[in-house]
Amino acid sequence: MTSDDLSDSAPVPAPSRTDRVDAVETRVERLPDLSDRIRKAGAAPLEERAAILAAIHETLSSELRDAED
């Protein structure tokens, strides 16, 4: 696609601010509460702490991938 091709296409309007805020609020409400898991990790022995933090990382990575789709 060249720059000439882009000039012929109509611009795509951005979603309204309200729609974007609503989408973010919906995603935030779906996020798991990690505070208990983080507290548990802080009190756990090193190996268990590493496993808990890895699981938290995977949860957050999964949420990020879903948000990007």
N, C-alpha and C. Protein backbone atom coordinates (compact mmCIF):
# COMPACT_ATOMS: atom_id res chain seq x y z
N MET A 1 0.85 -1.16 0.00
CA MET A 1 0.00 0.00 0.00
C MET A 1 0.90 1.23 0.00
N THR A 2 0.64 2.14 -0.88
CA THR A 2 1.44 3.36 -0.96
C THR A 2 0.72 4.49 -0.26
N SER A 3 1.39 5.60 -0.12
CA SER A 3 0.76 6.76 0.53
C SER A 3 -0.40 7.27 -0.30
N ASP A 4 -0.36 7.09 -1.63
CA ASP A 4 -1.49 7.49 -2.48
C ASP A 4 -2.72 6.66 -2.16
N ASP A 5 -2.53 5.38 -1.88
CA ASP A 5 -3.65 4.52 -1.53
C ASP A 5 -4.32 4.99 -0.25
N LEU A 6 -3.54 5.46 0.69
CA LEU A 6 -4.08 5.92 1.97
C LEU A 6 -4.89 7.18 1.81
N SER A 7 -4.50 8.07 0.91
CA SER A 7 -5.21 9.34 0.77
C SER A 7 -6.59 9.14 0.16
N ASP A 8 -6.82 8.02 -0.53
CA ASP A 8 -8.11 7.76 -1.15
C ASP A 8 -9.12 7.14 -0.18
N SER A 9 -8.65 6.61 0.93
CA SER A 9 -9.57 5.95 1.86
C SER A 9 -10.14 6.97 2.85
N ALA A 10 -11.37 6.72 3.23
CA ALA A 10 -12.02 7.61 4.20
C ALA A 10 -11.46 7.33 5.58
N PRO A 11 -11.32 8.37 6.39
CA PRO A 11 -10.82 8.15 7.75
C PRO A 11 -11.83 7.36 8.57
N VAL A 12 -11.32 6.58 9.47
CA VAL A 12 -12.17 5.79 10.36
C VAL A 12 -12.32 6.58 11.65
N PRO A 13 -13.56 6.90 12.02
CA PRO A 13 -13.73 7.69 13.25
C PRO A 13 -13.33 6.89 14.49
N ALA A 14 -12.75 7.59 15.43
CA ALA A 14 -12.38 6.96 16.70
C ALA A 14 -13.64 6.76 17.54
N PRO A 15 -13.63 5.76 18.40
CA PRO A 15 -14.79 5.60 19.29
C PRO A 15 -14.92 6.81 20.20
N SER A 16 -16.14 7.07 20.61
CA SER A 16 -16.35 8.23 21.48
C SER A 16 -15.64 8.01 22.81
N ARG A 17 -15.38 9.10 23.49
CA ARG A 17 -14.71 9.01 24.80
C ARG A 17 -15.53 8.16 25.76
N THR A 18 -16.83 8.32 25.74
CA THR A 18 -17.70 7.55 26.63
C THR A 18 -17.56 6.06 26.34
N ASP A 19 -17.53 5.69 25.06
CA ASP A 19 -17.38 4.27 24.71
C ASP A 19 -16.05 3.73 25.20
N ARG A 20 -15.00 4.53 25.06
CA ARG A 20 -13.67 4.08 25.51
C ARG A 20 -13.64 3.92 27.02
N VAL A 21 -14.21 4.88 27.75
CA VAL A 21 -14.24 4.81 29.21
C VAL A 21 -15.04 3.60 29.66
N ASP A 22 -16.19 3.38 29.02
CA ASP A 22 -17.01 2.21 29.36
C ASP A 22 -16.25 0.91 29.12
N ALA A 23 -15.52 0.84 28.02
CA ALA A 23 -14.75 -0.37 27.70
C ALA A 23 -13.67 -0.61 28.74
N VAL A 24 -12.99 0.45 29.16
CA VAL A 24 -11.94 0.31 30.17
C VAL A 24 -12.54 -0.11 31.50
N GLU A 25 -13.65 0.52 31.89
CA GLU A 25 -14.29 0.16 33.16
C GLU A 25 -14.73 -1.30 33.16
N THR A 26 -15.24 -1.76 32.05
CA THR A 26 -15.67 -3.16 31.95
C THR A 26 -14.47 -4.09 32.12
N ARG A 27 -13.36 -3.76 31.48
CA ARG A 27 -12.15 -4.59 31.60
C ARG A 27 -11.62 -4.58 33.03
N VAL A 28 -11.64 -3.42 33.67
CA VAL A 28 -11.14 -3.32 35.04
C VAL A 28 -12.01 -4.16 35.98
N GLU A 29 -13.31 -4.13 35.76
CA GLU A 29 -14.21 -4.92 36.61
C GLU A 29 -13.94 -6.42 36.44
N ARG A 30 -13.51 -6.83 35.25
CA ARG A 30 -13.23 -8.25 35.00
C ARG A 30 -11.89 -8.70 35.55
N LEU A 31 -10.99 -7.77 35.82
CA LEU A 31 -9.67 -8.15 36.31
C LEU A 31 -9.78 -8.87 37.65
N PRO A 32 -9.03 -9.90 37.81
CA PRO A 32 -9.07 -10.61 39.10
C PRO A 32 -8.42 -9.76 40.19
N ASP A 33 -8.91 -9.91 41.39
CA ASP A 33 -8.30 -9.22 42.52
C ASP A 33 -7.07 -10.03 42.93
N LEU A 34 -5.92 -9.44 42.72
CA LEU A 34 -4.67 -10.15 42.97
C LEU A 34 -4.08 -9.84 44.35
N SER A 35 -4.71 -8.97 45.10
CA SER A 35 -4.11 -8.53 46.36
C SER A 35 -3.88 -9.70 47.33
N ASP A 36 -4.83 -10.62 47.43
CA ASP A 36 -4.64 -11.77 48.33
C ASP A 36 -3.49 -12.65 47.87
N ARG A 37 -3.40 -12.86 46.55
CA ARG A 37 -2.31 -13.68 46.02
C ARG A 37 -0.96 -13.01 46.25
N ILE A 38 -0.91 -11.70 46.11
CA ILE A 38 0.34 -10.97 46.34
C ILE A 38 0.74 -11.04 47.81
N ARG A 39 -0.24 -10.88 48.73
CA ARG A 39 0.06 -10.99 50.15
C ARG A 39 0.58 -12.39 50.49
N LYS A 40 -0.07 -13.41 49.91
CA LYS A 40 0.35 -14.79 50.15
C LYS A 40 1.79 -14.99 49.65
N ALA A 41 2.12 -14.40 48.51
CA ALA A 41 3.48 -14.53 47.97
C ALA A 41 4.49 -13.90 48.91
N GLY A 42 4.13 -12.77 49.51
CA GLY A 42 5.05 -12.08 50.41
C GLY A 42 5.40 -12.89 51.64
N ALA A 43 4.48 -13.74 52.07
CA ALA A 43 4.71 -14.54 53.28
C ALA A 43 5.23 -15.94 52.97
N ALA A 44 5.32 -16.28 51.70
CA ALA A 44 5.70 -17.64 51.32
C ALA A 44 7.22 -17.81 51.25
N PRO A 45 7.68 -19.05 51.39
CA PRO A 45 9.10 -19.33 51.17
C PRO A 45 9.47 -19.01 49.71
N LEU A 46 10.74 -18.83 49.47
CA LEU A 46 11.22 -18.34 48.18
C LEU A 46 10.69 -19.13 46.98
N GLU A 47 10.78 -20.45 47.00
CA GLU A 47 10.34 -21.25 45.85
C GLU A 47 8.84 -21.11 45.62
N GLU A 48 8.07 -21.13 46.70
CA GLU A 48 6.62 -20.98 46.57
C GLU A 48 6.28 -19.56 46.10
N ARG A 49 7.01 -18.58 46.60
CA ARG A 49 6.81 -17.19 46.19
C ARG A 49 7.03 -17.05 44.68
N ALA A 50 8.09 -17.67 44.18
CA ALA A 50 8.37 -17.61 42.75
C ALA A 50 7.22 -18.21 41.93
N ALA A 51 6.67 -19.31 42.40
CA ALA A 51 5.56 -19.95 41.69
C ALA A 51 4.31 -19.07 41.71
N ILE A 52 4.03 -18.47 42.85
CA ILE A 52 2.86 -17.60 42.96
C ILE A 52 3.01 -16.39 42.05
N LEU A 53 4.19 -15.78 42.07
CA LEU A 53 4.42 -14.60 41.23
C LEU A 53 4.38 -14.97 39.74
N ALA A 54 4.86 -16.15 39.39
CA ALA A 54 4.79 -16.59 37.99
C ALA A 54 3.33 -16.76 37.56
N ALA A 55 2.50 -17.29 38.45
CA ALA A 55 1.08 -17.46 38.14
C ALA A 55 0.39 -16.11 37.99
N ILE A 56 0.75 -15.16 38.86
CA ILE A 56 0.19 -13.81 38.75
C ILE A 56 0.61 -13.19 37.42
N HIS A 57 1.87 -13.36 37.06
CA HIS A 57 2.37 -12.84 35.79
C HIS A 57 1.58 -13.43 34.62
N GLU A 58 1.33 -14.72 34.66
CA GLU A 58 0.58 -15.37 33.58
C GLU A 58 -0.85 -14.83 33.52
N THR A 59 -1.47 -14.61 34.67
CA THR A 59 -2.82 -14.04 34.70
C THR A 59 -2.83 -12.67 34.04
N LEU A 60 -1.89 -11.82 34.42
CA LEU A 60 -1.85 -10.47 33.86
C LEU A 60 -1.49 -10.50 32.37
N SER A 61 -0.60 -11.38 31.97
CA SER A 61 -0.25 -11.50 30.55
C SER A 61 -1.46 -11.93 29.73
N SER A 62 -2.21 -12.85 30.27
CA SER A 62 -3.41 -13.32 29.58
C SER A 62 -4.42 -12.19 29.42
N GLU A 63 -4.62 -11.43 30.48
CA GLU A 63 -5.54 -10.29 30.41
C GLU A 63 -5.08 -9.27 29.37
N LEU A 64 -3.78 -9.02 29.31
CA LEU A 64 -3.24 -8.08 28.34
C LEU A 64 -3.46 -8.59 26.92
N ARG A 65 -3.20 -9.88 26.69
CA ARG A 65 -3.43 -10.45 25.36
C ARG A 65 -4.90 -10.32 24.96
N ASP A 66 -5.80 -10.60 25.90
CA ASP A 66 -7.23 -10.48 25.62
C ASP A 66 -7.61 -9.04 25.29
N ALA A 67 -7.01 -8.09 26.00
CA ALA A 67 -7.32 -6.68 25.78
C ALA A 67 -6.82 -6.21 24.42
N GLU A 68 -5.74 -6.80 23.94
CA GLU A 68 -5.19 -6.40 22.65
C GLU A 68 -5.99 -6.96 21.49
N ASP A 69 -6.77 -8.00 21.72
CA ASP A 69 -7.57 -8.62 20.63
C ASP A 69 -8.79 -7.83 20.31
